[in-house]
N, C-alpha and C. Protein backbone atom coordinates (compact mmCIF):
# COMPACT_ATOMS: atom_id res chain seq x y z
N ASN A 1 0.83 -1.20 0.00
CA ASN A 1 0.00 0.00 0.00
C ASN A 1 0.87 1.25 0.00
N ASP A 2 0.20 2.43 0.00
CA ASP A 2 0.93 3.70 -0.12
C ASP A 2 1.84 3.94 1.07
N GLN A 3 1.38 3.59 2.30
CA GLN A 3 2.19 3.81 3.50
C GLN A 3 3.45 2.95 3.47
N THR A 4 3.30 1.69 3.06
CA THR A 4 4.46 0.80 2.95
C THR A 4 5.45 1.34 1.94
N HIS A 5 4.93 1.88 0.84
CA HIS A 5 5.79 2.47 -0.20
C HIS A 5 6.61 3.63 0.36
N LYS A 6 5.95 4.49 1.17
CA LYS A 6 6.66 5.62 1.79
C LYS A 6 7.73 5.12 2.76
N ASP A 7 7.36 4.10 3.54
CA ASP A 7 8.33 3.51 4.47
C ASP A 7 9.56 3.03 3.72
N ASP A 8 9.31 2.34 2.61
CA ASP A 8 10.41 1.77 1.84
C ASP A 8 11.31 2.86 1.26
N ILE A 9 10.72 3.95 0.79
CA ILE A 9 11.52 5.04 0.21
C ILE A 9 12.47 5.62 1.25
N ALA A 10 11.96 5.86 2.46
CA ALA A 10 12.80 6.42 3.52
C ALA A 10 13.92 5.45 3.89
N LYS A 11 13.58 4.17 4.03
CA LYS A 11 14.59 3.17 4.40
C LYS A 11 15.61 2.97 3.28
N ILE A 12 15.14 3.03 2.04
CA ILE A 12 16.06 2.88 0.90
C ILE A 12 17.05 4.04 0.87
N ASN A 13 16.57 5.25 1.12
CA ASN A 13 17.47 6.40 1.16
C ASN A 13 18.50 6.26 2.28
N ASN A 14 18.06 5.72 3.41
CA ASN A 14 19.00 5.48 4.52
C ASN A 14 20.07 4.47 4.11
N LEU A 15 19.65 3.42 3.40
CA LEU A 15 20.60 2.40 2.93
C LEU A 15 21.56 2.97 1.88
N ILE A 16 21.04 3.82 1.00
CA ILE A 16 21.91 4.45 0.00
C ILE A 16 22.95 5.34 0.70
N GLY A 17 22.49 6.05 1.73
CA GLY A 17 23.42 6.86 2.52
C GLY A 17 24.54 6.03 3.11
N SER A 18 24.19 4.84 3.61
CA SER A 18 25.20 3.95 4.19
C SER A 18 26.18 3.45 3.13
N THR A 19 25.68 3.23 1.92
CA THR A 19 26.56 2.80 0.82
C THR A 19 27.60 3.87 0.53
N TYR A 20 27.16 5.12 0.45
CA TYR A 20 28.11 6.22 0.21
C TYR A 20 29.06 6.39 1.39
N TYR A 21 28.52 6.24 2.61
CA TYR A 21 29.37 6.36 3.81
C TYR A 21 30.49 5.32 3.77
N ASN A 22 30.12 4.08 3.46
CA ASN A 22 31.11 3.00 3.43
C ASN A 22 32.15 3.19 2.33
N LYS A 23 31.78 3.92 1.29
CA LYS A 23 32.72 4.23 0.20
C LYS A 23 33.60 5.44 0.54
N GLY A 24 33.28 6.10 1.67
CA GLY A 24 34.06 7.27 2.08
C GLY A 24 33.54 8.59 1.55
N ASP A 25 32.40 8.57 0.86
CA ASP A 25 31.80 9.80 0.34
C ASP A 25 30.84 10.35 1.40
N LEU A 26 31.39 11.11 2.34
CA LEU A 26 30.61 11.56 3.49
C LEU A 26 29.52 12.55 3.11
N ASP A 27 29.83 13.45 2.18
CA ASP A 27 28.84 14.46 1.80
C ASP A 27 27.62 13.83 1.12
N LYS A 28 27.88 12.87 0.25
CA LYS A 28 26.77 12.19 -0.42
C LYS A 28 26.00 11.33 0.59
N GLY A 29 26.71 10.70 1.49
CA GLY A 29 26.05 9.93 2.53
C GLY A 29 25.14 10.81 3.37
N LEU A 30 25.65 11.98 3.75
CA LEU A 30 24.87 12.93 4.55
C LEU A 30 23.60 13.35 3.80
N GLU A 31 23.74 13.58 2.51
CA GLU A 31 22.59 14.00 1.70
C GLU A 31 21.45 12.97 1.79
N TYR A 32 21.79 11.69 1.66
CA TYR A 32 20.76 10.65 1.68
C TYR A 32 20.23 10.37 3.08
N TYR A 33 21.10 10.46 4.08
CA TYR A 33 20.62 10.28 5.46
C TYR A 33 19.63 11.39 5.82
N GLU A 34 19.95 12.62 5.44
CA GLU A 34 19.05 13.73 5.75
C GLU A 34 17.74 13.61 4.97
N LEU A 35 17.82 13.09 3.75
CA LEU A 35 16.60 12.86 2.97
C LEU A 35 15.72 11.81 3.65
N ALA A 36 16.34 10.73 4.14
CA ALA A 36 15.59 9.69 4.85
C ALA A 36 14.94 10.25 6.10
N TYR A 37 15.71 11.03 6.85
CA TYR A 37 15.18 11.63 8.08
C TYR A 37 14.03 12.58 7.77
N GLY A 38 14.19 13.40 6.73
CA GLY A 38 13.14 14.34 6.35
C GLY A 38 11.85 13.64 5.95
N LEU A 39 11.97 12.55 5.20
CA LEU A 39 10.78 11.79 4.79
C LEU A 39 10.04 11.24 6.01
N MET A 40 10.80 10.77 6.98
CA MET A 40 10.18 10.22 8.19
C MET A 40 9.49 11.30 9.01
N MET A 41 10.11 12.46 9.11
CA MET A 41 9.55 13.52 9.94
C MET A 41 8.37 14.23 9.27
N ASN A 42 8.29 14.14 7.94
CA ASN A 42 7.19 14.78 7.21
C ASN A 42 6.05 13.81 6.92
N ASP A 43 6.22 12.57 7.34
CA ASP A 43 5.18 11.57 7.12
C ASP A 43 4.02 11.82 8.08
N LYS A 44 2.89 11.23 7.79
CA LYS A 44 1.72 11.33 8.68
C LYS A 44 1.24 9.91 8.99
N PRO A 45 1.33 9.47 10.26
CA PRO A 45 1.91 10.22 11.38
C PRO A 45 3.44 10.27 11.30
N ILE A 46 4.02 11.21 12.04
CA ILE A 46 5.48 11.35 12.06
C ILE A 46 6.11 10.07 12.59
N ARG A 47 7.14 9.60 11.92
CA ARG A 47 7.77 8.32 12.29
C ARG A 47 8.96 8.57 13.22
N ILE A 48 8.64 8.99 14.43
CA ILE A 48 9.69 9.31 15.40
C ILE A 48 10.57 8.10 15.68
N LYS A 49 9.94 6.96 15.91
CA LYS A 49 10.69 5.75 16.27
C LYS A 49 11.72 5.40 15.20
N ASP A 50 11.31 5.40 13.93
CA ASP A 50 12.22 5.05 12.84
C ASP A 50 13.31 6.08 12.63
N SER A 51 13.03 7.33 13.02
CA SER A 51 13.97 8.42 12.73
C SER A 51 15.27 8.32 13.52
N ALA A 52 15.28 7.50 14.58
CA ALA A 52 16.49 7.38 15.40
C ALA A 52 17.67 6.84 14.59
N ARG A 53 17.40 5.97 13.63
CA ARG A 53 18.50 5.36 12.87
C ARG A 53 19.17 6.35 11.92
N PRO A 54 18.41 7.07 11.06
CA PRO A 54 19.11 8.08 10.26
C PRO A 54 19.73 9.19 11.10
N LEU A 55 19.13 9.50 12.26
CA LEU A 55 19.74 10.49 13.14
C LEU A 55 21.13 10.04 13.59
N THR A 56 21.22 8.77 14.00
CA THR A 56 22.52 8.22 14.39
C THR A 56 23.50 8.29 13.22
N ASN A 57 23.01 7.97 12.03
CA ASN A 57 23.88 7.98 10.85
C ASN A 57 24.34 9.38 10.48
N ILE A 58 23.46 10.36 10.62
CA ILE A 58 23.86 11.75 10.38
C ILE A 58 24.93 12.15 11.40
N GLY A 59 24.71 11.73 12.66
CA GLY A 59 25.71 11.99 13.69
C GLY A 59 27.05 11.37 13.35
N LEU A 60 27.00 10.18 12.76
CA LEU A 60 28.24 9.48 12.39
C LEU A 60 29.01 10.25 11.32
N ILE A 61 28.29 10.87 10.39
CA ILE A 61 28.94 11.69 9.36
C ILE A 61 29.69 12.86 10.01
N TYR A 62 29.00 13.57 10.90
CA TYR A 62 29.65 14.71 11.58
C TYR A 62 30.80 14.23 12.46
N HIS A 63 30.63 13.06 13.04
CA HIS A 63 31.69 12.44 13.84
C HIS A 63 32.94 12.24 12.98
N ARG A 64 32.75 11.64 11.81
CA ARG A 64 33.88 11.40 10.90
C ARG A 64 34.52 12.70 10.42
N LYS A 65 33.72 13.75 10.33
CA LYS A 65 34.23 15.05 9.90
C LYS A 65 34.94 15.79 11.04
N GLY A 66 34.90 15.22 12.25
CA GLY A 66 35.54 15.85 13.39
C GLY A 66 34.70 16.92 14.06
N GLN A 67 33.42 17.01 13.70
CA GLN A 67 32.51 17.98 14.32
C GLN A 67 31.82 17.30 15.50
N TYR A 68 32.58 17.15 16.58
CA TYR A 68 32.16 16.30 17.69
C TYR A 68 30.93 16.83 18.42
N ASP A 69 30.83 18.13 18.61
CA ASP A 69 29.68 18.68 19.33
C ASP A 69 28.38 18.40 18.59
N ARG A 70 28.39 18.60 17.27
CA ARG A 70 27.20 18.33 16.47
C ARG A 70 26.87 16.84 16.48
N ALA A 71 27.89 16.02 16.34
CA ALA A 71 27.68 14.56 16.35
C ALA A 71 27.09 14.12 17.68
N LEU A 72 27.64 14.63 18.77
CA LEU A 72 27.17 14.24 20.10
C LEU A 72 25.72 14.65 20.31
N GLU A 73 25.37 15.84 19.83
CA GLU A 73 23.99 16.32 19.93
C GLU A 73 23.02 15.36 19.22
N LEU A 74 23.40 14.90 18.04
CA LEU A 74 22.55 13.99 17.27
C LEU A 74 22.48 12.60 17.91
N TYR A 75 23.62 12.12 18.40
CA TYR A 75 23.63 10.82 19.07
C TYR A 75 22.72 10.83 20.29
N LEU A 76 22.80 11.88 21.09
CA LEU A 76 21.99 11.96 22.30
C LEU A 76 20.50 12.06 21.97
N LYS A 77 20.18 12.77 20.90
CA LYS A 77 18.78 12.86 20.45
C LYS A 77 18.28 11.48 20.02
N SER A 78 19.13 10.74 19.34
CA SER A 78 18.79 9.38 18.92
C SER A 78 18.57 8.47 20.13
N ILE A 79 19.45 8.58 21.13
CA ILE A 79 19.31 7.78 22.35
C ILE A 79 17.99 8.07 23.05
N GLU A 80 17.60 9.34 23.10
CA GLU A 80 16.32 9.71 23.72
C GLU A 80 15.16 8.99 23.04
N ILE A 81 15.20 8.93 21.71
CA ILE A 81 14.12 8.26 20.97
C ILE A 81 14.13 6.76 21.26
N PHE A 82 15.31 6.15 21.21
CA PHE A 82 15.40 4.71 21.50
C PHE A 82 14.84 4.40 22.89
N GLU A 83 15.18 5.24 23.87
CA GLU A 83 14.75 4.98 25.24
C GLU A 83 13.24 5.15 25.41
N ILE A 84 12.65 6.07 24.65
CA ILE A 84 11.19 6.24 24.71
C ILE A 84 10.48 4.98 24.23
N TYR A 85 10.99 4.40 23.16
CA TYR A 85 10.29 3.27 22.52
C TYR A 85 10.76 1.90 23.00
N TYR A 86 11.99 1.81 23.49
CA TYR A 86 12.52 0.50 23.89
C TYR A 86 12.84 0.41 25.38
N GLY A 87 12.90 1.56 26.04
CA GLY A 87 13.28 1.58 27.45
C GLY A 87 14.77 1.83 27.61
N LYS A 88 15.15 2.22 28.83
CA LYS A 88 16.57 2.49 29.10
C LYS A 88 17.35 1.19 29.11
N GLU A 89 18.61 1.30 28.73
CA GLU A 89 19.54 0.17 28.73
C GLU A 89 19.01 -1.01 27.92
N HIS A 90 18.49 -0.71 26.73
CA HIS A 90 18.07 -1.74 25.79
C HIS A 90 19.19 -1.97 24.79
N ILE A 91 19.30 -3.18 24.29
CA ILE A 91 20.39 -3.53 23.37
C ILE A 91 20.38 -2.65 22.12
N THR A 92 19.20 -2.14 21.74
CA THR A 92 19.09 -1.28 20.55
C THR A 92 19.94 -0.02 20.68
N THR A 93 20.17 0.42 21.92
CA THR A 93 20.90 1.68 22.14
C THR A 93 22.41 1.53 22.03
N THR A 94 22.92 0.30 22.04
CA THR A 94 24.36 0.12 22.28
C THR A 94 25.25 0.64 21.16
N LYS A 95 24.78 0.56 19.90
CA LYS A 95 25.62 1.07 18.80
C LYS A 95 25.81 2.58 18.92
N THR A 96 24.72 3.28 19.25
CA THR A 96 24.83 4.73 19.39
C THR A 96 25.62 5.09 20.64
N LEU A 97 25.43 4.34 21.72
CA LEU A 97 26.22 4.57 22.94
C LEU A 97 27.71 4.35 22.67
N THR A 98 28.01 3.36 21.84
CA THR A 98 29.41 3.11 21.47
C THR A 98 29.98 4.31 20.72
N ASN A 99 29.19 4.88 19.82
CA ASN A 99 29.65 6.06 19.09
C ASN A 99 29.95 7.22 20.05
N ILE A 100 29.11 7.37 21.07
CA ILE A 100 29.34 8.43 22.06
C ILE A 100 30.64 8.15 22.83
N GLY A 101 30.81 6.89 23.24
CA GLY A 101 32.05 6.52 23.92
C GLY A 101 33.27 6.79 23.05
N ASN A 102 33.13 6.53 21.75
CA ASN A 102 34.24 6.77 20.83
C ASN A 102 34.58 8.26 20.73
N ILE A 103 33.55 9.11 20.75
CA ILE A 103 33.81 10.55 20.73
C ILE A 103 34.62 10.95 21.95
N TYR A 104 34.23 10.45 23.12
CA TYR A 104 34.95 10.82 24.34
C TYR A 104 36.38 10.26 24.33
N THR A 105 36.57 9.09 23.72
CA THR A 105 37.93 8.57 23.58
C THR A 105 38.76 9.49 22.69
N GLU A 106 38.18 9.88 21.56
CA GLU A 106 38.90 10.72 20.59
C GLU A 106 39.18 12.12 21.13
N THR A 107 38.32 12.61 22.02
CA THR A 107 38.53 13.94 22.60
C THR A 107 39.27 13.86 23.94
N ARG A 108 39.79 12.68 24.25
CA ARG A 108 40.63 12.44 25.44
C ARG A 108 39.89 12.62 26.76
N GLU A 109 38.58 12.45 26.72
CA GLU A 109 37.80 12.44 27.97
C GLU A 109 37.63 10.97 28.36
N TYR A 110 38.74 10.39 28.81
CA TYR A 110 38.82 8.94 28.94
C TYR A 110 37.91 8.37 30.02
N GLN A 111 37.74 9.07 31.12
CA GLN A 111 36.88 8.55 32.18
C GLN A 111 35.42 8.50 31.71
N ARG A 112 35.00 9.50 30.96
CA ARG A 112 33.63 9.49 30.44
C ARG A 112 33.46 8.37 29.41
N ALA A 113 34.48 8.19 28.58
CA ALA A 113 34.43 7.09 27.60
C ALA A 113 34.30 5.75 28.32
N LEU A 114 35.08 5.58 29.38
CA LEU A 114 35.05 4.33 30.14
C LEU A 114 33.67 4.08 30.74
N GLN A 115 33.03 5.13 31.23
CA GLN A 115 31.68 4.98 31.79
C GLN A 115 30.70 4.46 30.73
N TYR A 116 30.81 5.00 29.52
CA TYR A 116 29.92 4.56 28.44
C TYR A 116 30.20 3.11 28.06
N TYR A 117 31.47 2.76 27.91
CA TYR A 117 31.81 1.39 27.50
C TYR A 117 31.40 0.37 28.56
N GLU A 118 31.59 0.72 29.83
CA GLU A 118 31.19 -0.20 30.90
C GLU A 118 29.67 -0.37 30.93
N ASN A 119 28.94 0.71 30.68
CA ASN A 119 27.48 0.62 30.62
C ASN A 119 27.04 -0.26 29.46
N ILE A 120 27.69 -0.10 28.31
CA ILE A 120 27.39 -0.93 27.14
C ILE A 120 27.63 -2.40 27.47
N ARG A 121 28.72 -2.67 28.17
CA ARG A 121 29.04 -4.06 28.51
C ARG A 121 27.97 -4.67 29.42
N ARG A 122 27.46 -3.87 30.35
CA ARG A 122 26.39 -4.36 31.23
C ARG A 122 25.13 -4.69 30.43
N ILE A 123 24.80 -3.83 29.47
CA ILE A 123 23.62 -4.08 28.63
C ILE A 123 23.83 -5.35 27.80
N GLN A 124 25.02 -5.49 27.23
CA GLN A 124 25.31 -6.66 26.40
C GLN A 124 25.23 -7.95 27.21
N GLN A 125 25.65 -7.90 28.46
CA GLN A 125 25.58 -9.08 29.32
C GLN A 125 24.13 -9.51 29.55
N GLN A 126 23.21 -8.54 29.54
CA GLN A 126 21.79 -8.86 29.76
C GLN A 126 21.14 -9.47 28.52
N TYR A 127 21.57 -9.05 27.33
CA TYR A 127 20.85 -9.39 26.11
C TYR A 127 21.57 -10.38 25.19
N LEU A 128 22.88 -10.44 25.25
CA LEU A 128 23.64 -11.22 24.28
C LEU A 128 24.16 -12.52 24.88
N PRO A 129 24.48 -13.50 24.04
CA PRO A 129 25.14 -14.71 24.53
C PRO A 129 26.47 -14.38 25.20
N SER A 130 26.99 -15.30 25.98
CA SER A 130 28.23 -15.04 26.72
C SER A 130 29.39 -14.73 25.78
N ASP A 131 29.39 -15.33 24.59
CA ASP A 131 30.41 -15.02 23.57
C ASP A 131 29.73 -14.36 22.38
N HIS A 132 30.05 -13.09 22.16
CA HIS A 132 29.44 -12.35 21.05
C HIS A 132 30.45 -11.32 20.56
N LEU A 133 30.49 -11.12 19.25
CA LEU A 133 31.48 -10.21 18.68
C LEU A 133 31.31 -8.78 19.19
N ALA A 134 30.06 -8.34 19.38
CA ALA A 134 29.83 -6.98 19.88
C ALA A 134 30.43 -6.81 21.27
N THR A 135 30.31 -7.83 22.11
CA THR A 135 30.90 -7.77 23.46
C THR A 135 32.42 -7.76 23.37
N ALA A 136 32.97 -8.56 22.46
CA ALA A 136 34.43 -8.58 22.28
C ALA A 136 34.94 -7.21 21.86
N MET A 137 34.18 -6.51 21.01
CA MET A 137 34.60 -5.18 20.57
C MET A 137 34.52 -4.18 21.72
N THR A 138 33.52 -4.34 22.59
CA THR A 138 33.43 -3.44 23.76
C THR A 138 34.61 -3.66 24.70
N LEU A 139 34.98 -4.92 24.92
CA LEU A 139 36.16 -5.22 25.73
C LEU A 139 37.40 -4.58 25.12
N ASN A 140 37.48 -4.63 23.80
CA ASN A 140 38.60 -4.01 23.09
C ASN A 140 38.61 -2.49 23.32
N ASN A 141 37.43 -1.86 23.26
CA ASN A 141 37.35 -0.41 23.47
C ASN A 141 37.78 -0.03 24.89
N ILE A 142 37.40 -0.85 25.86
CA ILE A 142 37.81 -0.60 27.24
C ILE A 142 39.33 -0.70 27.35
N ALA A 143 39.91 -1.69 26.66
CA ALA A 143 41.37 -1.85 26.66
C ALA A 143 42.05 -0.61 26.09
N VAL A 144 41.49 -0.07 25.01
CA VAL A 144 42.06 1.12 24.38
C VAL A 144 42.11 2.28 25.37
N VAL A 145 41.02 2.46 26.12
CA VAL A 145 40.97 3.57 27.08
C VAL A 145 42.01 3.37 28.18
N TYR A 146 42.11 2.15 28.71
CA TYR A 146 43.11 1.91 29.75
C TYR A 146 44.53 2.14 29.22
N LYS A 147 44.76 1.79 27.96
CA LYS A 147 46.08 2.05 27.38
C LYS A 147 46.34 3.56 27.30
N LYS A 148 45.31 4.32 26.90
CA LYS A 148 45.44 5.78 26.85
C LYS A 148 45.72 6.36 28.23
N LEU A 149 45.16 5.72 29.26
CA LEU A 149 45.37 6.17 30.64
C LEU A 149 46.68 5.65 31.22
N ASN A 150 47.45 4.93 30.40
CA ASN A 150 48.73 4.33 30.82
C ASN A 150 48.55 3.27 31.90
N GLU A 151 47.35 2.70 31.99
CA GLU A 151 47.13 1.56 32.89
C GLU A 151 47.31 0.30 32.05
N ILE A 152 48.57 0.01 31.75
CA ILE A 152 48.86 -0.99 30.72
C ILE A 152 48.51 -2.41 31.14
N HIS A 153 48.57 -2.71 32.43
CA HIS A 153 48.20 -4.05 32.86
C HIS A 153 46.69 -4.28 32.73
N ARG A 154 45.90 -3.23 33.03
CA ARG A 154 44.45 -3.33 32.82
C ARG A 154 44.15 -3.45 31.32
N ALA A 155 44.87 -2.67 30.53
CA ALA A 155 44.69 -2.74 29.07
C ALA A 155 44.98 -4.15 28.57
N LEU A 156 46.06 -4.74 29.05
CA LEU A 156 46.42 -6.10 28.65
C LEU A 156 45.33 -7.09 29.04
N GLU A 157 44.78 -6.93 30.23
CA GLU A 157 43.71 -7.82 30.70
C GLU A 157 42.51 -7.79 29.75
N TYR A 158 42.08 -6.58 29.36
CA TYR A 158 40.89 -6.47 28.52
C TYR A 158 41.17 -6.86 27.07
N TYR A 159 42.37 -6.57 26.58
CA TYR A 159 42.72 -7.05 25.24
C TYR A 159 42.70 -8.59 25.21
N GLN A 160 43.22 -9.20 26.27
CA GLN A 160 43.27 -10.66 26.32
C GLN A 160 41.87 -11.25 26.39
N ARG A 161 40.99 -10.63 27.17
CA ARG A 161 39.61 -11.11 27.24
C ARG A 161 38.91 -10.97 25.90
N SER A 162 39.18 -9.86 25.22
CA SER A 162 38.61 -9.66 23.88
C SER A 162 39.13 -10.72 22.91
N LEU A 163 40.44 -10.98 22.97
CA LEU A 163 41.04 -11.97 22.08
C LEU A 163 40.47 -13.36 22.35
N ASP A 164 40.36 -13.74 23.62
CA ASP A 164 39.84 -15.07 23.96
C ASP A 164 38.44 -15.27 23.38
N MET A 165 37.62 -14.22 23.49
CA MET A 165 36.25 -14.31 22.98
C MET A 165 36.24 -14.40 21.45
N LYS A 166 37.06 -13.58 20.81
CA LYS A 166 37.12 -13.60 19.34
C LYS A 166 37.60 -14.96 18.83
N GLN A 167 38.54 -15.55 19.54
CA GLN A 167 39.06 -16.86 19.11
C GLN A 167 38.02 -17.96 19.24
N ARG A 168 37.04 -17.76 20.12
CA ARG A 168 35.98 -18.76 20.27
C ARG A 168 34.89 -18.62 19.21
N ILE A 169 34.76 -17.44 18.59
CA ILE A 169 33.63 -17.23 17.69
C ILE A 169 34.02 -16.89 16.25
N LEU A 170 35.30 -16.59 16.01
CA LEU A 170 35.73 -16.22 14.67
C LEU A 170 36.70 -17.26 14.10
N PRO A 171 36.83 -17.32 12.77
CA PRO A 171 37.85 -18.19 12.17
C PRO A 171 39.24 -17.78 12.64
N PRO A 172 40.16 -18.73 12.77
CA PRO A 172 41.48 -18.42 13.34
C PRO A 172 42.29 -17.40 12.54
N ASP A 173 41.99 -17.24 11.24
CA ASP A 173 42.75 -16.29 10.43
C ASP A 173 42.01 -14.97 10.24
N HIS A 174 40.99 -14.72 11.06
CA HIS A 174 40.20 -13.49 10.92
C HIS A 174 41.04 -12.26 11.27
N ASN A 175 40.83 -11.18 10.54
CA ASN A 175 41.63 -9.97 10.73
C ASN A 175 41.47 -9.39 12.13
N ASP A 176 40.27 -9.46 12.72
CA ASP A 176 40.06 -8.92 14.07
C ASP A 176 40.95 -9.62 15.09
N ILE A 177 41.16 -10.91 14.90
CA ILE A 177 42.05 -11.66 15.80
C ILE A 177 43.49 -11.18 15.63
N ARG A 178 43.91 -11.00 14.39
CA ARG A 178 45.28 -10.54 14.14
C ARG A 178 45.52 -9.15 14.74
N VAL A 179 44.54 -8.26 14.58
CA VAL A 179 44.69 -6.90 15.11
C VAL A 179 44.81 -6.93 16.63
N THR A 180 43.96 -7.71 17.29
CA THR A 180 44.01 -7.79 18.75
C THR A 180 45.32 -8.40 19.23
N MET A 181 45.80 -9.41 18.51
CA MET A 181 47.09 -10.01 18.87
C MET A 181 48.22 -8.99 18.73
N MET A 182 48.14 -8.14 17.72
CA MET A 182 49.15 -7.09 17.55
C MET A 182 49.07 -6.08 18.69
N ASN A 183 47.85 -5.75 19.12
CA ASN A 183 47.70 -4.83 20.25
C ASN A 183 48.30 -5.42 21.53
N ILE A 184 48.09 -6.72 21.73
CA ILE A 184 48.66 -7.39 22.90
C ILE A 184 50.19 -7.40 22.81
N ALA A 185 50.70 -7.65 21.61
CA ALA A 185 52.16 -7.63 21.42
C ALA A 185 52.73 -6.25 21.74
N ASP A 186 52.02 -5.20 21.31
CA ASP A 186 52.47 -3.83 21.61
C ASP A 186 52.49 -3.57 23.11
N ILE A 187 51.45 -4.05 23.81
CA ILE A 187 51.39 -3.86 25.26
C ILE A 187 52.55 -4.59 25.93
N ASN A 188 52.80 -5.83 25.51
CA ASN A 188 53.90 -6.60 26.10
C ASN A 188 55.25 -5.94 25.84
N THR A 189 55.40 -5.36 24.65
CA THR A 189 56.63 -4.62 24.35
C THR A 189 56.79 -3.44 25.29
N GLU A 190 55.68 -2.74 25.54
CA GLU A 190 55.70 -1.60 26.45
C GLU A 190 56.05 -2.04 27.88
N ILE A 191 55.46 -3.15 28.31
CA ILE A 191 55.77 -3.68 29.65
C ILE A 191 57.25 -4.04 29.75
N ASN A 192 57.76 -4.70 28.72
CA ASN A 192 59.18 -5.06 28.72
C ASN A 192 60.07 -3.83 28.78
N ARG A 193 59.68 -2.79 28.02
CA ARG A 193 60.48 -1.57 27.99
C ARG A 193 60.52 -0.90 29.36
N LEU A 194 59.38 -0.95 30.07
CA LEU A 194 59.29 -0.29 31.36
C LEU A 194 59.94 -1.08 32.49
N TYR A 195 59.78 -2.42 32.44
CA TYR A 195 60.16 -3.23 33.59
C TYR A 195 61.50 -3.92 33.44
N TYR A 196 61.91 -4.25 32.23
CA TYR A 196 63.15 -4.99 32.08
C TYR A 196 64.40 -4.20 32.47
N PRO A 197 64.47 -2.88 32.18
CA PRO A 197 65.63 -2.14 32.69
C PRO A 197 65.74 -2.21 34.20
N LEU A 198 64.59 -2.13 34.89
CA LEU A 198 64.58 -2.26 36.35
C LEU A 198 65.05 -3.65 36.76
N LEU A 199 64.58 -4.66 36.02
CA LEU A 199 64.97 -6.03 36.32
C LEU A 199 66.47 -6.21 36.15
N CYS A 200 67.03 -5.66 35.07
CA CYS A 200 68.46 -5.81 34.81
C CYS A 200 69.28 -5.17 35.92
N CYS A 201 68.84 -4.00 36.39
CA CYS A 201 69.54 -3.32 37.48
C CYS A 201 69.51 -4.17 38.74
N LYS A 202 68.35 -4.78 39.02
CA LYS A 202 68.22 -5.60 40.23
C LYS A 202 69.07 -6.87 40.12
N VAL A 203 69.08 -7.46 38.92
CA VAL A 203 69.89 -8.67 38.73
C VAL A 203 71.35 -8.36 38.97
N SER A 204 71.79 -7.20 38.47
CA SER A 204 73.18 -6.80 38.67
C SER A 204 73.48 -6.64 40.16
N ALA A 205 72.55 -6.03 40.89
CA ALA A 205 72.74 -5.84 42.33
C ALA A 205 72.75 -7.18 43.06
N VAL A 206 71.88 -8.08 42.61
CA VAL A 206 71.80 -9.41 43.23
C VAL A 206 73.11 -10.17 43.03
N LYS A 207 73.62 -10.14 41.80
CA LYS A 207 74.87 -10.84 41.51
C LYS A 207 75.99 -10.33 42.39
N SER A 208 76.03 -9.01 42.54
CA SER A 208 77.07 -8.41 43.38
C SER A 208 76.95 -8.88 44.82
N THR A 209 75.70 -8.93 45.32
CA THR A 209 75.46 -9.36 46.70
C THR A 209 75.82 -10.83 46.89
N ILE A 210 75.44 -11.65 45.89
CA ILE A 210 75.72 -13.09 45.98
C ILE A 210 77.23 -13.34 46.02
N LEU A 211 77.94 -12.64 45.16
CA LEU A 211 79.39 -12.82 45.12
C LEU A 211 80.04 -12.45 46.45
N LYS A 212 79.45 -11.45 47.11
CA LYS A 212 80.01 -11.03 48.39
C LYS A 212 79.68 -12.03 49.49
N ASN A 213 78.42 -12.48 49.51
CA ASN A 213 77.97 -13.32 50.63
C ASN A 213 78.22 -14.80 50.41
N ARG A 214 78.17 -15.24 49.15
CA ARG A 214 78.39 -16.65 48.84
C ARG A 214 77.45 -17.57 49.61
N GLU A 215 76.20 -17.14 49.83
CA GLU A 215 75.24 -17.96 50.56
C GLU A 215 74.04 -18.27 49.66
N PRO A 216 73.74 -19.56 49.46
CA PRO A 216 72.59 -19.94 48.62
C PRO A 216 71.28 -19.33 49.10
N ARG A 217 71.09 -19.21 50.42
CA ARG A 217 69.84 -18.68 50.96
C ARG A 217 69.63 -17.24 50.50
N CYS A 218 70.71 -16.48 50.48
CA CYS A 218 70.64 -15.09 50.02
C CYS A 218 70.19 -15.04 48.56
N LYS A 219 70.71 -15.93 47.74
CA LYS A 219 70.34 -15.99 46.33
C LYS A 219 68.84 -16.24 46.19
N PHE A 220 68.32 -17.16 46.96
CA PHE A 220 66.89 -17.51 46.89
C PHE A 220 66.02 -16.31 47.26
N ILE A 221 66.38 -15.60 48.31
CA ILE A 221 65.57 -14.46 48.77
C ILE A 221 65.53 -13.37 47.71
N TYR A 222 66.66 -13.03 47.15
CA TYR A 222 66.70 -11.93 46.18
C TYR A 222 65.97 -12.29 44.88
N TYR A 223 66.13 -13.51 44.41
CA TYR A 223 65.45 -13.87 43.17
C TYR A 223 63.94 -13.99 43.36
N SER A 224 63.50 -14.34 44.55
CA SER A 224 62.06 -14.34 44.83
C SER A 224 61.51 -12.92 44.73
N GLU A 225 62.26 -11.95 45.21
CA GLU A 225 61.81 -10.56 45.16
C GLU A 225 61.71 -10.09 43.70
N ILE A 226 62.68 -10.43 42.88
CA ILE A 226 62.68 -10.01 41.48
C ILE A 226 61.49 -10.60 40.74
N LEU A 227 61.25 -11.90 40.93
CA LEU A 227 60.15 -12.55 40.24
C LEU A 227 58.82 -11.93 40.64
N GLY A 228 58.71 -11.48 41.89
CA GLY A 228 57.48 -10.84 42.33
C GLY A 228 57.22 -9.54 41.58
N HIS A 229 58.26 -8.78 41.29
CA HIS A 229 58.08 -7.50 40.61
C HIS A 229 57.66 -7.65 39.16
N VAL A 230 58.10 -8.70 38.47
CA VAL A 230 57.78 -8.82 37.05
C VAL A 230 56.57 -9.72 36.80
N SER A 231 55.97 -10.27 37.84
CA SER A 231 54.80 -11.12 37.66
C SER A 231 53.62 -10.28 37.21
N ILE A 232 52.94 -10.65 36.07
CA ILE A 232 51.79 -9.88 35.57
C ILE A 232 50.65 -10.82 35.21
């Protein structure tokens, strides 16, 4: 019928916008997203519920353009609509919440980003299976924030949890697995850079002490202390 036809036109324009967005043509993507949103808002009755998706997509365009304030405004408006129709902390909100968390990560508001990612993880735990790619990506985002905060051991923990989950649900040669493994390798390199010079200095001091004392018990005590410092 006529109403279904109108629905389809708006959704098709939204899909065309996504095609241009994925090709990197942000201006053309914005044109079609705004057309989809306009059709929904000018329909009778107004399609408020459906409008949340093109709103998020318009926000994503401004996000990519680095216009964070405008993007955040649109994301929050989209979240308000989702919450009206689906309730607070519904799985439908998580993609837009992730975008908001990403803005705060990019603008170096790391604690706010962490709050959003942790909230997303709680929602995902309620709605998704224990192993799900969306949850693995959220764990990865949390790891990124901890790395930015120089909490490298926490970052390593979350990267590892993300990797473990990805390895259970993705093919072994999947690019997401390779990227996470590279992130873990970078973290381990950073840990080695920070801690191994300290370890070398302590080993040198231990050797000097052992040579002076010549007592096996002394050797055991000092090496126990060193192993404690590098245990992660």
